[in-house]
Amino acid sequence: MPTTNHPLLPGYTMPDTVLEQARAALRTHAPDLPELTPAALASRRGICLVPNVRGEVSKLEITLISTPGRTIKINAWHAPDIRDLDRRWPHNHRWASMRSIALHHDSSAAYSAELWRFADDGALTMQPYTQLPGGDHTMAHHEFHEVVATDAVLWTVLLGDASVPGNWGVADPETGQYHDNSTLSPDPNFSTRFAELNPHWKTAGSNSLLA
């Protein structure tokens, strides 16, 4: 039976198999949310393309809900989310913890990432990991990562809990320093590329699909 593809943004769709798996994950982990429908997806609200420093689309991101208490997204990973062509800039997230559940859409899909942590002596340590279909990966606020390679398109459901004061930033493996996102942006042209890719995006008000 042919796969139904639901329109998201020009050139980007969600296969019906992904929609059904995402719905199942949401029924388990966010049963209070309204059901995700093709009509909601067609509205484009909360859907954006996230660029990397090479100008590629690293991921398509669908924000279902984003509040100080929780954030839920569906991501489609297309390319690495690198912020510098010459060095690593792993980032953490604004949530106390973040869980990423990979859907079973394409058995060849995956992304390779690096997980960075500050050791007790202050040194940064790195552990590579791979997210595969069916994988379930959790990160704490004090951990940093960077997706460095992708295979096919991996769809994930992201579950972020309460936001942490100070939000998020990047770790510098060369100096061992942490930089808050408000004081250092490794990719100073990110906002310009994001705006070019997402002319529909609101600069004020809600960009949450189900809120």
Protein backbone atom coordinates (compact mmCIF):
# COMPACT_ATOMS: atom_id res chain seq x y z
CA MET A 1 0.00 0.00 0.00
CA PRO A 2 1.44 3.43 -0.95
CA THR A 3 2.56 5.62 1.94
CA THR A 4 0.58 8.78 2.60
CA ASN A 5 2.78 11.82 3.13
CA HIS A 6 1.35 14.73 5.09
CA PRO A 7 2.54 18.22 4.00
CA LEU A 8 4.60 20.20 6.51
CA LEU A 9 6.68 22.86 4.75
CA PRO A 10 7.56 23.20 1.05
CA GLY A 11 9.65 20.15 0.17
CA TYR A 12 9.03 18.45 3.54
CA THR A 13 6.36 15.93 4.51
CA MET A 14 5.61 13.49 7.33
CA PRO A 15 4.94 9.88 6.30
CA ASP A 16 1.76 8.42 7.73
CA THR A 17 3.82 5.72 9.47
CA VAL A 18 5.69 8.44 11.38
CA LEU A 19 2.44 10.20 12.28
CA GLU A 20 0.98 6.99 13.71
CA GLN A 21 4.12 6.20 15.72
CA ALA A 22 4.31 9.77 17.01
CA ARG A 23 0.68 9.58 18.07
CA ALA A 24 1.36 6.34 19.94
CA ALA A 25 4.34 7.90 21.74
CA LEU A 26 2.28 10.96 22.67
CA ARG A 27 -0.58 8.83 23.98
CA THR A 28 1.95 7.19 26.31
CA HIS A 29 4.01 10.20 27.37
CA ALA A 30 1.60 13.14 26.95
CA PRO A 31 -1.93 11.75 27.06
CA ASP A 32 -3.38 15.17 27.91
CA LEU A 33 -2.39 16.68 24.55
CA PRO A 34 -4.92 16.86 21.71
CA GLU A 35 -4.36 14.22 19.04
CA LEU A 36 -1.94 15.26 16.33
CA THR A 37 -3.79 15.47 13.00
CA PRO A 38 -2.85 16.11 9.36
CA ALA A 39 -4.93 19.32 9.52
CA ALA A 40 -2.86 20.58 12.46
CA LEU A 41 0.37 19.78 10.60
CA ALA A 42 -0.88 21.60 7.50
CA SER A 43 -1.25 24.81 9.54
CA ARG A 44 2.59 25.04 9.73
CA ARG A 45 2.34 26.58 13.20
CA GLY A 46 5.26 25.44 15.34
CA ILE A 47 7.07 23.87 12.36
CA CYS A 48 10.47 25.19 11.36
CA LEU A 49 13.71 24.26 9.61
CA VAL A 50 16.87 24.54 11.71
CA PRO A 51 20.07 25.36 9.77
CA ASN A 52 23.62 24.35 10.59
CA VAL A 53 26.75 26.39 9.93
CA ARG A 54 27.16 24.81 6.46
CA GLY A 55 23.76 26.18 5.44
CA GLU A 56 22.18 22.72 5.44
CA VAL A 57 18.89 21.93 7.16
CA SER A 58 20.02 19.95 10.19
CA LYS A 59 16.49 19.13 11.30
CA LEU A 60 12.85 19.86 10.76
CA GLU A 61 11.37 20.68 14.14
CA ILE A 62 7.70 20.53 15.17
CA THR A 63 7.03 22.17 18.52
CA LEU A 64 3.83 20.67 19.91
CA ILE A 65 3.95 22.51 23.24
CA SER A 66 6.54 24.71 24.94
CA THR A 67 5.98 26.06 28.46
CA PRO A 68 8.25 26.62 31.47
CA GLY A 69 6.99 23.27 32.78
CA ARG A 70 7.54 21.08 29.71
CA THR A 71 8.39 21.02 26.02
CA ILE A 72 7.39 18.37 23.50
CA LYS A 73 8.68 18.29 19.93
CA ILE A 74 8.91 15.98 16.94
CA ASN A 75 12.21 16.26 15.08
CA ALA A 76 13.30 14.92 11.70
CA TRP A 77 17.10 14.78 11.56
CA HIS A 78 18.56 15.51 8.12
CA ALA A 79 22.16 16.64 8.76
CA PRO A 80 24.62 17.36 11.61
CA ASP A 81 23.80 20.32 13.88
CA ILE A 82 27.36 21.66 13.86
CA ARG A 83 27.96 25.32 14.79
CA ASP A 84 31.54 25.70 13.54
CA LEU A 85 33.37 24.22 10.55
CA ASP A 86 36.67 23.83 12.39
CA ARG A 87 35.83 22.70 15.92
CA ARG A 88 33.24 21.25 18.26
CA TRP A 89 30.80 23.39 20.23
CA PRO A 90 28.60 20.90 22.12
CA HIS A 91 25.51 22.43 23.68
CA ASN A 92 23.22 21.58 26.54
CA HIS A 93 19.47 22.24 26.74
CA ARG A 94 17.33 24.47 28.90
CA TRP A 95 15.47 21.58 30.51
CA ALA A 96 16.44 19.75 33.70
CA SER A 97 16.38 16.62 31.54
CA MET A 98 15.60 15.84 27.94
CA ARG A 99 14.46 12.50 26.52
CA SER A 100 14.70 11.63 22.83
CA ILE A 101 12.70 8.64 21.54
CA ALA A 102 13.54 7.55 17.99
CA LEU A 103 10.68 6.23 15.86
CA HIS A 104 10.74 3.07 13.73
CA HIS A 105 10.26 4.61 10.30
CA ASP A 106 13.42 3.68 8.40
CA SER A 107 15.79 0.96 9.63
CA SER A 108 18.72 2.70 7.89
CA ALA A 109 18.15 5.98 9.72
CA ALA A 110 20.47 7.06 12.53
CA TYR A 111 22.50 9.90 13.85
CA SER A 112 25.92 9.85 15.46
CA ALA A 113 26.59 12.28 18.28
CA GLU A 114 29.11 13.17 20.96
CA LEU A 115 28.12 13.46 24.62
CA TRP A 116 30.32 15.79 26.66
CA ARG A 117 30.47 16.10 30.45
CA PHE A 118 32.55 18.10 32.92
CA ALA A 119 34.48 15.69 35.16
CA ASP A 120 35.01 16.33 38.87
CA ASP A 121 38.37 17.95 38.11
CA GLY A 122 36.73 20.35 35.64
CA ALA A 123 38.01 18.63 32.49
CA LEU A 124 35.61 17.94 29.62
CA THR A 125 35.21 14.29 28.67
CA MET A 126 33.57 12.97 25.50
CA GLN A 127 31.68 9.76 24.79
CA PRO A 128 30.35 9.02 21.28
CA TYR A 129 26.87 7.55 20.93
CA THR A 130 24.45 6.62 18.17
CA GLN A 131 20.70 7.11 18.13
CA LEU A 132 18.93 4.36 16.16
CA PRO A 133 15.26 3.65 15.40
CA GLY A 134 13.66 2.54 18.66
CA GLY A 135 16.41 4.18 20.70
CA ASP A 136 15.61 6.04 23.90
CA HIS A 137 18.24 8.55 25.03
CA THR A 138 18.09 10.88 28.05
CA MET A 139 20.33 13.89 28.73
CA ALA A 140 20.62 15.92 31.92
CA HIS A 141 20.96 19.70 31.94
CA HIS A 142 24.67 19.48 32.84
CA GLU A 143 25.44 17.29 29.80
CA PHE A 144 26.33 18.61 26.34
CA HIS A 145 26.04 17.05 22.91
CA GLU A 146 26.47 17.65 19.21
CA VAL A 147 25.10 15.58 16.32
CA VAL A 148 28.08 15.05 14.01
CA ALA A 149 26.72 12.69 11.30
CA THR A 150 23.36 11.44 10.00
CA ASP A 151 22.16 8.48 7.93
CA ALA A 152 18.82 8.82 6.14
CA VAL A 153 16.18 10.80 8.09
CA LEU A 154 15.69 9.87 11.73
CA TRP A 155 12.41 10.96 13.34
CA THR A 156 12.40 11.49 17.11
CA VAL A 157 9.98 12.60 19.79
CA LEU A 158 11.62 15.01 22.26
CA LEU A 159 10.34 15.31 25.82
CA GLY A 160 11.78 18.17 27.86
CA ASP A 161 10.75 18.74 31.45
CA ALA A 162 10.90 21.96 33.49
CA SER A 163 13.24 24.70 32.30
CA VAL A 164 16.31 25.45 34.41
CA PRO A 165 17.16 29.07 35.33
CA GLY A 166 19.94 30.28 33.07
CA ASN A 167 18.60 28.18 30.24
CA TRP A 168 21.48 26.78 28.15
CA GLY A 169 24.83 27.34 26.51
CA VAL A 170 27.86 25.69 24.94
CA ALA A 171 30.98 23.97 26.23
CA ASP A 172 34.38 24.72 24.71
CA PRO A 173 36.45 21.51 24.49
CA GLU A 174 39.58 23.54 23.71
CA THR A 175 39.48 25.64 26.87
CA GLY A 176 37.22 23.58 29.11
CA GLN A 177 34.97 26.60 29.64
CA TYR A 178 31.19 26.91 29.67
CA HIS A 179 29.57 29.87 27.89
CA ASP A 180 25.95 30.87 28.38
CA ASN A 181 24.10 31.28 25.10
CA SER A 182 23.40 34.93 25.94
CA THR A 183 27.12 35.74 26.00
CA LEU A 184 28.54 33.58 23.20
CA SER A 185 27.07 32.30 19.93
CA PRO A 186 29.48 30.06 17.98
CA ASP A 187 27.34 30.61 14.85
CA PRO A 188 26.64 34.36 14.67
CA ASN A 189 24.71 34.06 11.39
CA PHE A 190 22.26 31.46 12.67
CA SER A 191 19.37 33.88 13.15
CA THR A 192 19.70 35.22 9.60
CA ARG A 193 19.71 31.74 8.06
CA PHE A 194 16.80 30.68 10.27
CA ALA A 195 14.72 33.67 9.15
CA GLU A 196 15.48 32.94 5.49
CA LEU A 197 14.36 29.33 5.86
CA ASN A 198 11.25 30.15 7.89
CA PRO A 199 9.41 33.21 6.53
CA HIS A 200 6.21 31.88 8.14
CA TRP A 201 7.69 31.87 11.67
CA LYS A 202 6.16 34.21 14.24
CA THR A 203 8.53 36.56 16.03
CA ALA A 204 5.88 37.14 18.71
CA GLY A 205 3.14 34.96 20.13
CA SER A 206 2.90 31.19 20.18
CA ASN A 207 4.76 28.91 17.81
CA SER A 208 3.39 25.76 19.44
CA LEU A 209 1.27 23.50 17.25
CA LEU A 210 -0.99 22.07 19.97
CA ALA A 211 -0.93 24.85 22.56
